Protein backbone atom coordinates (compact mmCIF):
# COMPACT_ATOMS: atom_id res chain seq x y z
CA MET A 1 40.82 59.10 -16.56
CA ASP A 2 43.57 61.68 -16.80
CA ILE A 3 43.05 64.15 -13.98
CA ASP A 4 45.75 66.49 -15.31
CA ASP A 5 43.26 67.77 -17.90
CA LEU A 6 40.47 68.48 -15.40
CA SER A 7 39.57 72.01 -14.32
CA LEU A 8 39.48 73.08 -10.70
CA GLU A 9 35.68 72.76 -10.63
CA GLN A 10 35.85 69.27 -12.09
CA LEU A 11 38.52 68.25 -9.58
CA LEU A 12 36.44 69.59 -6.67
CA ASP A 13 33.39 67.71 -7.95
CA LEU A 14 35.44 64.52 -8.30
CA ASN A 15 36.79 65.00 -4.78
CA ARG A 16 33.25 65.34 -3.34
CA ARG A 17 32.13 62.21 -5.16
CA ILE A 18 35.16 60.25 -3.92
CA VAL A 19 34.62 61.38 -0.32
CA ARG A 20 30.91 60.42 -0.49
CA ARG A 21 31.81 56.99 -1.86
CA ILE A 22 34.45 56.40 0.83
CA GLU A 23 31.99 57.41 3.57
CA TYR A 24 29.35 55.09 2.07
CA LEU A 25 31.74 52.12 1.97
CA GLN A 26 32.96 52.81 5.52
CA GLY A 27 29.33 52.92 6.66
CA LEU A 28 28.68 49.52 5.09
CA LYS A 29 31.72 48.10 6.84
CA THR A 30 30.64 49.55 10.20
CA ARG A 31 27.11 48.15 9.72
CA ALA A 32 28.58 44.70 9.00
CA HIS A 33 30.57 44.90 12.26
CA LEU A 34 27.48 46.05 14.19
CA ASP A 35 25.36 43.23 12.77
CA ARG A 36 27.56 40.65 14.51
CA PHE A 37 26.31 41.82 17.92
CA GLU A 38 22.94 41.82 19.67
CA VAL A 39 21.64 43.27 22.91
CA GLY A 40 22.61 40.92 25.74
CA ASP A 41 25.85 39.69 24.15
CA ARG A 42 28.75 39.45 26.55
CA VAL A 43 31.82 41.23 25.14
CA SER A 44 35.33 42.28 26.05
CA PHE A 45 37.54 45.12 24.86
CA PRO A 46 40.98 46.53 25.68
CA SER A 47 41.29 49.64 27.83
CA GLU A 48 44.52 51.01 29.27
CA GLY A 49 46.36 47.70 28.95
CA ARG A 50 43.66 45.47 30.44
CA GLN A 51 40.64 43.58 29.13
CA VAL A 52 37.28 44.97 30.21
CA GLU A 53 34.17 42.78 30.11
CA GLY A 54 30.62 44.00 29.69
CA VAL A 55 27.21 43.46 28.15
CA VAL A 56 25.76 45.04 25.00
CA VAL A 57 22.77 47.13 26.11
CA ARG A 58 22.14 49.02 22.87
CA VAL A 59 23.14 48.93 19.20
CA ASN A 60 23.66 52.52 18.05
CA GLN A 61 24.18 53.85 14.53
CA LYS A 62 28.00 53.57 14.65
CA THR A 63 28.80 52.14 18.09
CA LEU A 64 27.58 49.69 20.69
CA SER A 65 26.58 50.78 24.19
CA ILE A 66 28.30 48.52 26.69
CA ARG A 67 27.51 48.23 30.39
CA THR A 68 30.41 47.08 32.57
CA LYS A 69 30.43 46.44 36.29
CA ASP A 70 31.54 50.01 36.97
CA THR A 71 30.42 52.22 34.10
CA TYR A 72 28.88 52.65 30.66
CA TRP A 73 30.86 52.76 27.37
CA ARG A 74 30.17 53.47 23.71
CA ILE A 75 32.60 51.41 21.65
CA HIS A 76 33.06 50.89 17.91
CA PRO A 77 32.38 47.21 17.20
CA ARG A 78 35.79 46.55 15.65
CA PHE A 79 37.32 46.84 19.15
CA LEU A 80 34.94 44.28 20.70
CA THR A 81 35.29 40.54 21.08
CA LYS A 82 32.15 38.50 21.67
CA LEU A 83 32.58 36.19 24.65
CA PRO A 84 31.36 32.58 24.47
CA GLY A 85 28.41 31.39 26.50
CA PRO A 86 24.80 32.42 26.92
CA LYS A 87 23.61 35.98 26.58
CA ALA A 88 23.50 38.01 29.77
CA GLU A 89 20.09 38.51 31.28
CA LEU A 90 19.20 42.18 31.04
CA PRO A 91 17.24 43.95 33.76
CA GLN A 92 13.62 44.82 32.94
CA ASP A 93 13.92 48.28 34.52
CA VAL A 94 16.03 50.81 32.61
CA ARG A 95 17.15 52.39 35.91
CA ALA A 96 19.06 49.19 36.67
CA ILE A 97 21.05 49.71 33.47
CA ILE A 98 21.67 53.42 33.99
CA GLU A 99 22.26 53.31 37.75
CA PRO A 100 23.55 49.87 38.80
CA GLU A 101 23.43 48.95 42.46
CA LYS A 102 26.55 50.01 44.32
CA GLU A 103 28.49 47.33 46.17
CA PRO A 104 29.07 48.03 49.89
């Protein structure tokens, strides 16, 4: 295809089609990354020069919700490493996920 012969309208249409295709392929790649994780998986990720460990509490459309000892994160799966060992036991009460007990 020689794009030098295309009109402005044809180029704009081609651009929209290319962008849609790129977004579609990126979505497939993200979904493949997400499919490697399940709720309860123990994971780690880098943050400010240190490794943070947490538990997957939710699989979102593009990210994973991670609960750490101190806070709650939404992280793209490409930044996560699944830790070996059994899945973490999740609390049965959602309040325990949202508001963890404070240590004295």
